[in-house]
Amino acid sequence: MNAEDPDPIKALGQNIGRLRKELGLTQVEAATLIGVHQQMLSNWENGSNLPNVPSLLKIAHLFNVSLAV
């Protein structure tokens, strides 16, 4: 990764936040639907932590998106 490449962790978090807002969900609502605490979702959105694979699958299902790169 060079200086021009976006940080993939931050990019994932930004996408989760954008998709959540597009559905009109609060962090609490989205976290409940995914099955995690609001703070965990916040950590994902701000790029300080990554979701595990089961959570990624739930996120993809909730937002109706693919996990393909």
C-alpha atoms as a PDB file:
ATOM      1  CA  MET A   1       0.000   0.000   0.000  1.00  0.00           C
ATOM      2  CA  ASN A   2       1.424   3.375  -0.971  1.00  0.00           C
ATOM      3  CA  ALA A   3       0.510   6.846   0.307  1.00  0.00           C
ATOM      4  CA  GLU A   4      -2.148   7.247  -2.411  1.00  0.00           C
ATOM      5  CA  ASP A   5      -4.062   4.069  -1.479  1.00  0.00           C
ATOM      6  CA  PRO A   6      -6.896   4.527   0.981  1.00  0.00           C
ATOM      7  CA  ASP A   7      -6.610   2.687   4.286  1.00  0.00           C
ATOM      8  CA  PRO A   8      -8.802  -0.403   3.773  1.00  0.00           C
ATOM      9  CA  ILE A   9      -9.831  -0.493   7.442  1.00  0.00           C
ATOM     10  CA  LYS A  10     -11.007   3.119   7.358  1.00  0.00           C
ATOM     11  CA  ALA A  11     -12.671   2.573   3.969  1.00  0.00           C
ATOM     12  CA  LEU A  12     -14.641  -0.390   5.340  1.00  0.00           C
ATOM     13  CA  GLY A  13     -15.746   1.661   8.327  1.00  0.00           C
ATOM     14  CA  GLN A  14     -16.802   4.554   6.117  1.00  0.00           C
ATOM     15  CA  ASN A  15     -18.820   2.189   3.945  1.00  0.00           C
ATOM     16  CA  ILE A  16     -20.559   0.650   6.954  1.00  0.00           C
ATOM     17  CA  GLY A  17     -21.466   4.118   8.231  1.00  0.00           C
ATOM     18  CA  ARG A  18     -22.662   5.285   4.824  1.00  0.00           C
ATOM     19  CA  LEU A  19     -24.831   2.212   4.267  1.00  0.00           C
ATOM     20  CA  ARG A  20     -26.284   2.473   7.769  1.00  0.00           C
ATOM     21  CA  LYS A  21     -27.215   6.114   7.213  1.00  0.00           C
ATOM     22  CA  GLU A  22     -28.696   5.325   3.786  1.00  0.00           C
ATOM     23  CA  LEU A  23     -31.079   2.918   5.528  1.00  0.00           C
ATOM     24  CA  GLY A  24     -31.900   5.592   8.088  1.00  0.00           C
ATOM     25  CA  LEU A  25     -30.627   3.500  10.985  1.00  0.00           C
ATOM     26  CA  THR A  26     -28.967   4.751  14.145  1.00  0.00           C
ATOM     27  CA  GLN A  27     -25.869   2.973  15.392  1.00  0.00           C
ATOM     28  CA  VAL A  28     -27.960   1.414  18.159  1.00  0.00           C
ATOM     29  CA  GLU A  29     -30.547   0.105  15.680  1.00  0.00           C
ATOM     30  CA  ALA A  30     -27.951  -1.281  13.267  1.00  0.00           C
ATOM     31  CA  ALA A  31     -25.901  -2.814  16.070  1.00  0.00           C
ATOM     32  CA  THR A  32     -28.993  -4.552  17.421  1.00  0.00           C
ATOM     33  CA  LEU A  33     -29.816  -5.978  14.000  1.00  0.00           C
ATOM     34  CA  ILE A  34     -26.227  -7.197  13.569  1.00  0.00           C
ATOM     35  CA  GLY A  35     -26.121  -8.573  17.108  1.00  0.00           C
ATOM     36  CA  VAL A  36     -23.349  -6.428  18.595  1.00  0.00           C
ATOM     37  CA  HIS A  37     -23.102  -3.521  21.024  1.00  0.00           C
ATOM     38  CA  GLN A  38     -23.333   0.017  19.670  1.00  0.00           C
ATOM     39  CA  GLN A  39     -19.736   0.698  20.754  1.00  0.00           C
ATOM     40  CA  MET A  40     -18.488  -2.168  18.575  1.00  0.00           C
ATOM     41  CA  LEU A  41     -20.292  -0.741  15.546  1.00  0.00           C
ATOM     42  CA  SER A  42     -18.856   2.679  16.352  1.00  0.00           C
ATOM     43  CA  ASN A  43     -15.357   1.175  16.478  1.00  0.00           C
ATOM     44  CA  TRP A  44     -15.884  -0.375  13.045  1.00  0.00           C
ATOM     45  CA  GLU A  45     -17.175   2.878  11.592  1.00  0.00           C
ATOM     46  CA  ASN A  46     -14.268   4.939  12.914  1.00  0.00           C
ATOM     47  CA  GLY A  47     -11.715   2.379  11.708  1.00  0.00           C
ATOM     48  CA  SER A  48     -10.330   1.404  15.098  1.00  0.00           C
ATOM     49  CA  ASN A  49     -11.479  -2.215  14.818  1.00  0.00           C
ATOM     50  CA  LEU A  50     -12.573  -4.696  12.150  1.00  0.00           C
ATOM     51  CA  PRO A  51     -15.681  -6.881  12.243  1.00  0.00           C
ATOM     52  CA  ASN A  52     -15.127 -10.632  12.412  1.00  0.00           C
ATOM     53  CA  VAL A  53     -16.339 -12.877   9.597  1.00  0.00           C
ATOM     54  CA  PRO A  54     -19.729 -13.746  11.156  1.00  0.00           C
ATOM     55  CA  SER A  55     -20.369 -10.032  11.727  1.00  0.00           C
ATOM     56  CA  LEU A  56     -19.304  -9.217   8.168  1.00  0.00           C
ATOM     57  CA  LEU A  57     -21.847 -11.736   6.895  1.00  0.00           C
ATOM     58  CA  LYS A  58     -24.582 -10.124   9.004  1.00  0.00           C
ATOM     59  CA  ILE A  59     -23.550  -6.658   7.801  1.00  0.00           C
ATOM     60  CA  ALA A  60     -23.651  -7.781   4.163  1.00  0.00           C
ATOM     61  CA  HIS A  61     -27.097  -9.310   4.683  1.00  0.00           C
ATOM     62  CA  LEU A  62     -28.467  -6.244   6.514  1.00  0.00           C
ATOM     63  CA  PHE A  63     -27.254  -3.841   3.832  1.00  0.00           C
ATOM     64  CA  ASN A  64     -27.898  -6.240   0.941  1.00  0.00           C
ATOM     65  CA  VAL A  65     -24.331  -5.998  -0.357  1.00  0.00           C
ATOM     66  CA  SER A  66     -21.721  -8.486  -1.491  1.00  0.00           C
ATOM     67  CA  LEU A  67     -18.488  -9.173   0.369  1.00  0.00           C
ATOM     68  CA  ALA A  68     -16.688  -9.661  -2.961  1.00  0.00           C
ATOM     69  CA  VAL A  69     -13.748  -7.373  -3.651  1.00  0.00           C
END
